[in-house]
Amino acid sequence: MKKYILLLLMLFLVGCSNDPNEGNTNGEAETVVEEVKDTVANVNGEKISLETFTKYYAMQSYDFEKEYGEGVWSIEQDGKTMKEIRQEQTINYLVRISLVEKYIMEKGFEVDEAIIEEAYNKYMDSIATDEEIKAYFEVNDLDKTFLKRFLKDQYY
């Protein structure tokens, strides 16, 4: 039960934002200028890069497109295309993973790298003869480092 409450609290905190005038006694909003060109989200000061987003989006979209076909991305639901919905889901996923990882690290927990290595090896064995997915991984730069990171996130 405590895990669910913690998860709900973290999701609530993700949805909250600070008032730019809070703590500013002269009534003027503070201006913060930063480079955001290659950043899709900022979670507690840690940036999620466009490159990271692109790789996770590619990884999470592969099976979806295989199941529903290439035309799935133009289907609209509630005024948004499935592509837009999937992109939002990917950003939300990356934000949640960032928060969970930070919490886990703060509590002193560590992921056993042997477990990740074993999961990686099993995954690679399962796709060993699938040339289509291998080509997809190569085109989208989903290399060994990324795949291990993705599996580690799944472990969280």
C-alpha atoms as a PDB file:
ATOM      1  CA  MET A   1       0.000   0.000   0.000  1.00  0.00           C
ATOM      2  CA  LYS A   2       2.863   2.370   0.813  1.00  0.00           C
ATOM      3  CA  LYS A   3       4.300   1.802  -2.681  1.00  0.00           C
ATOM      4  CA  TYR A   4       1.034   2.899  -4.305  1.00  0.00           C
ATOM      5  CA  ILE A   5       0.790   5.996  -2.135  1.00  0.00           C
ATOM      6  CA  LEU A   6       4.402   6.898  -2.964  1.00  0.00           C
ATOM      7  CA  LEU A   7       3.750   6.378  -6.672  1.00  0.00           C
ATOM      8  CA  LEU A   8       0.627   8.549  -6.556  1.00  0.00           C
ATOM      9  CA  LEU A   9       2.550  11.231  -4.680  1.00  0.00           C
ATOM     10  CA  MET A  10       5.318  11.200  -7.289  1.00  0.00           C
ATOM     11  CA  LEU A  11       2.793  11.431 -10.128  1.00  0.00           C
ATOM     12  CA  PHE A  12       1.060  14.319  -8.354  1.00  0.00           C
ATOM     13  CA  LEU A  13       4.352  16.155  -7.931  1.00  0.00           C
ATOM     14  CA  VAL A  14       5.117  15.740 -11.636  1.00  0.00           C
ATOM     15  CA  GLY A  15       1.874  17.542 -12.420  1.00  0.00           C
ATOM     16  CA  CYS A  16       2.592  20.449 -10.068  1.00  0.00           C
ATOM     17  CA  SER A  17       4.477  23.533 -11.150  1.00  0.00           C
ATOM     18  CA  ASN A  18       5.868  26.513  -9.296  1.00  0.00           C
ATOM     19  CA  ASP A  19       4.406  29.992  -9.658  1.00  0.00           C
ATOM     20  CA  PRO A  20       7.102  32.161 -11.295  1.00  0.00           C
ATOM     21  CA  ASN A  21       6.183  35.041  -8.954  1.00  0.00           C
ATOM     22  CA  GLU A  22       6.373  32.978  -5.768  1.00  0.00           C
ATOM     23  CA  GLY A  23       8.924  34.445  -3.395  1.00  0.00           C
ATOM     24  CA  ASN A  24       9.400  37.513  -5.595  1.00  0.00           C
ATOM     25  CA  THR A  25       8.562  40.551  -3.464  1.00  0.00           C
ATOM     26  CA  ASN A  26       8.625  43.208  -6.210  1.00  0.00           C
ATOM     27  CA  GLY A  27       5.841  41.548  -8.231  1.00  0.00           C
ATOM     28  CA  GLU A  28       7.969  41.004 -11.329  1.00  0.00           C
ATOM     29  CA  ALA A  29       8.320  37.556 -12.787  1.00  0.00           C
ATOM     30  CA  GLU A  30      11.860  36.251 -12.868  1.00  0.00           C
ATOM     31  CA  THR A  31      13.183  35.479 -16.312  1.00  0.00           C
ATOM     32  CA  VAL A  32      15.190  32.320 -16.739  1.00  0.00           C
ATOM     33  CA  VAL A  33      16.987  31.877 -20.017  1.00  0.00           C
ATOM     34  CA  GLU A  34      18.414  28.491 -20.817  1.00  0.00           C
ATOM     35  CA  GLU A  35      19.168  26.411 -23.864  1.00  0.00           C
ATOM     36  CA  VAL A  36      16.219  24.106 -24.484  1.00  0.00           C
ATOM     37  CA  LYS A  37      16.758  23.317 -28.157  1.00  0.00           C
ATOM     38  CA  ASP A  38      17.844  19.746 -27.459  1.00  0.00           C
ATOM     39  CA  THR A  39      15.746  19.246 -24.316  1.00  0.00           C
ATOM     40  CA  VAL A  40      12.227  17.808 -24.185  1.00  0.00           C
ATOM     41  CA  ALA A  41      11.751  17.960 -20.410  1.00  0.00           C
ATOM     42  CA  ASN A  42      13.458  19.190 -17.270  1.00  0.00           C
ATOM     43  CA  VAL A  43      12.916  17.045 -14.171  1.00  0.00           C
ATOM     44  CA  ASN A  44      14.213  18.597 -10.965  1.00  0.00           C
ATOM     45  CA  GLY A  45      17.036  20.275 -12.858  1.00  0.00           C
ATOM     46  CA  GLU A  46      17.970  17.203 -14.895  1.00  0.00           C
ATOM     47  CA  LYS A  47      17.335  17.494 -18.599  1.00  0.00           C
ATOM     48  CA  ILE A  48      15.837  14.780 -20.767  1.00  0.00           C
ATOM     49  CA  SER A  49      17.478  15.201 -24.142  1.00  0.00           C
ATOM     50  CA  LEU A  50      15.825  15.084 -27.536  1.00  0.00           C
ATOM     51  CA  GLU A  51      18.184  12.224 -28.404  1.00  0.00           C
ATOM     52  CA  THR A  52      16.990  10.194 -25.407  1.00  0.00           C
ATOM     53  CA  PHE A  53      13.361  10.935 -26.253  1.00  0.00           C
ATOM     54  CA  THR A  54      13.877   9.919 -29.890  1.00  0.00           C
ATOM     55  CA  LYS A  55      15.397   6.568 -28.923  1.00  0.00           C
ATOM     56  CA  TYR A  56      12.725   5.755 -26.341  1.00  0.00           C
ATOM     57  CA  TYR A  57       9.987   6.820 -28.754  1.00  0.00           C
ATOM     58  CA  ALA A  58      11.447   4.542 -31.437  1.00  0.00           C
ATOM     59  CA  MET A  59      11.744   1.640 -29.005  1.00  0.00           C
ATOM     60  CA  GLN A  60       8.228   2.018 -27.638  1.00  0.00           C
ATOM     61  CA  SER A  61       6.662   2.578 -31.058  1.00  0.00           C
ATOM     62  CA  TYR A  62       8.073  -0.436 -32.865  1.00  0.00           C
ATOM     63  CA  ASP A  63       5.640  -3.041 -31.528  1.00  0.00           C
ATOM     64  CA  PHE A  64       2.719  -0.606 -31.687  1.00  0.00           C
ATOM     65  CA  GLU A  65       3.257  -0.002 -35.387  1.00  0.00           C
ATOM     66  CA  LYS A  66       3.849  -3.704 -36.069  1.00  0.00           C
ATOM     67  CA  GLU A  67       0.549  -4.566 -34.415  1.00  0.00           C
ATOM     68  CA  TYR A  68      -1.627  -1.824 -35.933  1.00  0.00           C
ATOM     69  CA  GLY A  69       0.194  -0.933 -39.173  1.00  0.00           C
ATOM     70  CA  GLU A  70       1.923   2.215 -40.407  1.00  0.00           C
ATOM     71  CA  GLY A  71      -1.389   4.076 -40.777  1.00  0.00           C
ATOM     72  CA  VAL A  72      -1.984   3.983 -37.037  1.00  0.00           C
ATOM     73  CA  TRP A  73      -0.087   7.237 -36.500  1.00  0.00           C
ATOM     74  CA  SER A  74      -2.653   9.379 -38.345  1.00  0.00           C
ATOM     75  CA  ILE A  75      -5.689   8.015 -36.453  1.00  0.00           C
ATOM     76  CA  GLU A  76      -7.186  10.721 -34.249  1.00  0.00           C
ATOM     77  CA  GLN A  77      -8.499  10.369 -30.739  1.00  0.00           C
ATOM     78  CA  ASP A  78      -9.755  13.315 -28.691  1.00  0.00           C
ATOM     79  CA  GLY A  79      -8.329  15.781 -31.234  1.00  0.00           C
ATOM     80  CA  LYS A  80      -4.817  14.306 -31.233  1.00  0.00           C
ATOM     81  CA  THR A  81      -3.150  11.891 -33.602  1.00  0.00           C
ATOM     82  CA  MET A  82      -1.899   8.592 -32.255  1.00  0.00           C
ATOM     83  CA  LYS A  83       1.616   9.861 -32.977  1.00  0.00           C
ATOM     84  CA  GLU A  84       1.061  12.897 -30.721  1.00  0.00           C
ATOM     85  CA  ILE A  85      -0.454  10.690 -28.033  1.00  0.00           C
ATOM     86  CA  ARG A  86       2.476   8.258 -28.230  1.00  0.00           C
ATOM     87  CA  GLN A  87       4.973  11.135 -28.023  1.00  0.00           C
ATOM     88  CA  GLU A  88       3.255  12.483 -24.893  1.00  0.00           C
ATOM     89  CA  GLN A  89       3.240   8.997 -23.385  1.00  0.00           C
ATOM     90  CA  THR A  90       6.967   8.671 -24.070  1.00  0.00           C
ATOM     91  CA  ILE A  91       7.760  11.998 -22.389  1.00  0.00           C
ATOM     92  CA  ASN A  92       5.600  11.060 -19.391  1.00  0.00           C
ATOM     93  CA  TYR A  93       7.367   7.702 -19.186  1.00  0.00           C
ATOM     94  CA  LEU A  94      10.799   9.380 -19.206  1.00  0.00           C
ATOM     95  CA  VAL A  95       9.732  11.811 -16.477  1.00  0.00           C
ATOM     96  CA  ARG A  96       8.416   8.973 -14.295  1.00  0.00           C
ATOM     97  CA  ILE A  97      11.571   6.906 -14.815  1.00  0.00           C
ATOM     98  CA  SER A  98      13.716   9.912 -13.900  1.00  0.00           C
ATOM     99  CA  LEU A  99      11.791  10.410 -10.653  1.00  0.00           C
ATOM    100  CA  VAL A 100      11.794   6.721  -9.745  1.00  0.00           C
ATOM    101  CA  GLU A 101      15.511   6.386 -10.478  1.00  0.00           C
ATOM    102  CA  LYS A 102      16.309   9.419  -8.333  1.00  0.00           C
ATOM    103  CA  TYR A 103      14.219   8.040  -5.474  1.00  0.00           C
ATOM    104  CA  ILE A 104      15.867   4.626  -5.714  1.00  0.00           C
ATOM    105  CA  MET A 105      19.347   6.157  -5.714  1.00  0.00           C
ATOM    106  CA  GLU A 106      18.522   8.432  -2.767  1.00  0.00           C
ATOM    107  CA  LYS A 107      17.402   5.378  -0.787  1.00  0.00           C
ATOM    108  CA  GLY A 108      20.696   3.649  -1.519  1.00  0.00           C
ATOM    109  CA  PHE A 109      19.290   0.867  -3.651  1.00  0.00           C
ATOM    110  CA  GLU A 110      21.269  -0.390  -6.618  1.00  0.00           C
ATOM    111  CA  VAL A 111      20.276  -2.430  -9.619  1.00  0.00           C
ATOM    112  CA  ASP A 112      22.313  -5.602  -9.935  1.00  0.00           C
ATOM    113  CA  GLU A 113      24.109  -5.203 -13.269  1.00  0.00           C
ATOM    114  CA  ALA A 114      24.257  -9.003 -13.616  1.00  0.00           C
ATOM    115  CA  ILE A 115      20.446  -9.036 -13.822  1.00  0.00           C
ATOM    116  CA  ILE A 116      20.495  -6.387 -16.550  1.00  0.00           C
ATOM    117  CA  GLU A 117      23.211  -8.270 -18.434  1.00  0.00           C
ATOM    118  CA  GLU A 118      21.191 -11.478 -18.231  1.00  0.00           C
ATOM    119  CA  ALA A 119      18.024  -9.715 -19.437  1.00  0.00           C
ATOM    120  CA  TYR A 120      19.973  -8.129 -22.287  1.00  0.00           C
ATOM    121  CA  ASN A 121      21.428 -11.477 -23.367  1.00  0.00           C
ATOM    122  CA  LYS A 122      17.991 -13.138 -23.263  1.00  0.00           C
ATOM    123  CA  TYR A 123      16.498 -10.310 -25.297  1.00  0.00           C
ATOM    124  CA  MET A 124      19.257 -10.434 -27.890  1.00  0.00           C
ATOM    125  CA  ASP A 125      18.885 -14.226 -28.118  1.00  0.00           C
ATOM    126  CA  SER A 126      15.140 -13.798 -28.702  1.00  0.00           C
ATOM    127  CA  ILE A 127      15.725 -11.492 -31.686  1.00  0.00           C
ATOM    128  CA  ALA A 128      18.855 -13.185 -33.001  1.00  0.00           C
ATOM    129  CA  THR A 129      17.217 -14.274 -36.250  1.00  0.00           C
ATOM    130  CA  ASP A 130      14.953 -11.227 -36.722  1.00  0.00           C
ATOM    131  CA  GLU A 131      16.785  -9.163 -39.339  1.00  0.00           C
ATOM    132  CA  GLU A 132      13.941  -6.621 -39.517  1.00  0.00           C
ATOM    133  CA  ILE A 133      14.224  -5.612 -35.862  1.00  0.00           C
ATOM    134  CA  LYS A 134      18.022  -5.584 -36.063  1.00  0.00           C
ATOM    135  CA  ALA A 135      17.804  -3.178 -39.021  1.00  0.00           C
ATOM    136  CA  TYR A 136      15.269  -1.039 -37.108  1.00  0.00           C
ATOM    137  CA  PHE A 137      17.628  -0.882 -34.128  1.00  0.00           C
ATOM    138  CA  GLU A 138      20.516   0.132 -36.361  1.00  0.00           C
ATOM    139  CA  VAL A 139      18.560   2.855 -38.195  1.00  0.00           C
ATOM    140  CA  ASN A 140      17.348   4.299 -34.867  1.00  0.00           C
ATOM    141  CA  ASP A 141      20.748   3.991 -33.134  1.00  0.00           C
ATOM    142  CA  LEU A 142      19.358   1.609 -30.521  1.00  0.00           C
ATOM    143  CA  ASP A 143      22.720   0.168 -29.563  1.00  0.00           C
ATOM    144  CA  LYS A 144      23.824  -2.114 -26.734  1.00  0.00           C
ATOM    145  CA  THR A 145      24.245   0.786 -24.278  1.00  0.00           C
ATOM    146  CA  PHE A 146      20.761   2.108 -24.985  1.00  0.00           C
ATOM    147  CA  LEU A 147      19.131  -1.331 -24.863  1.00  0.00           C
ATOM    148  CA  LYS A 148      20.702  -2.071 -21.487  1.00  0.00           C
ATOM    149  CA  ARG A 149      19.500   1.310 -20.229  1.00  0.00           C
ATOM    150  CA  PHE A 150      15.997   0.578 -21.527  1.00  0.00           C
ATOM    151  CA  LEU A 151      15.979  -2.814 -19.793  1.00  0.00           C
ATOM    152  CA  LYS A 152      17.230  -1.215 -16.572  1.00  0.00           C
ATOM    153  CA  ASP A 153      14.322   1.222 -16.735  1.00  0.00           C
ATOM    154  CA  GLN A 154      11.946  -1.702 -17.158  1.00  0.00           C
ATOM    155  CA  TYR A 155      13.507  -3.236 -14.060  1.00  0.00           C
ATOM    156  CA  TYR A 156      12.647  -0.099 -12.067  1.00  0.00           C
END
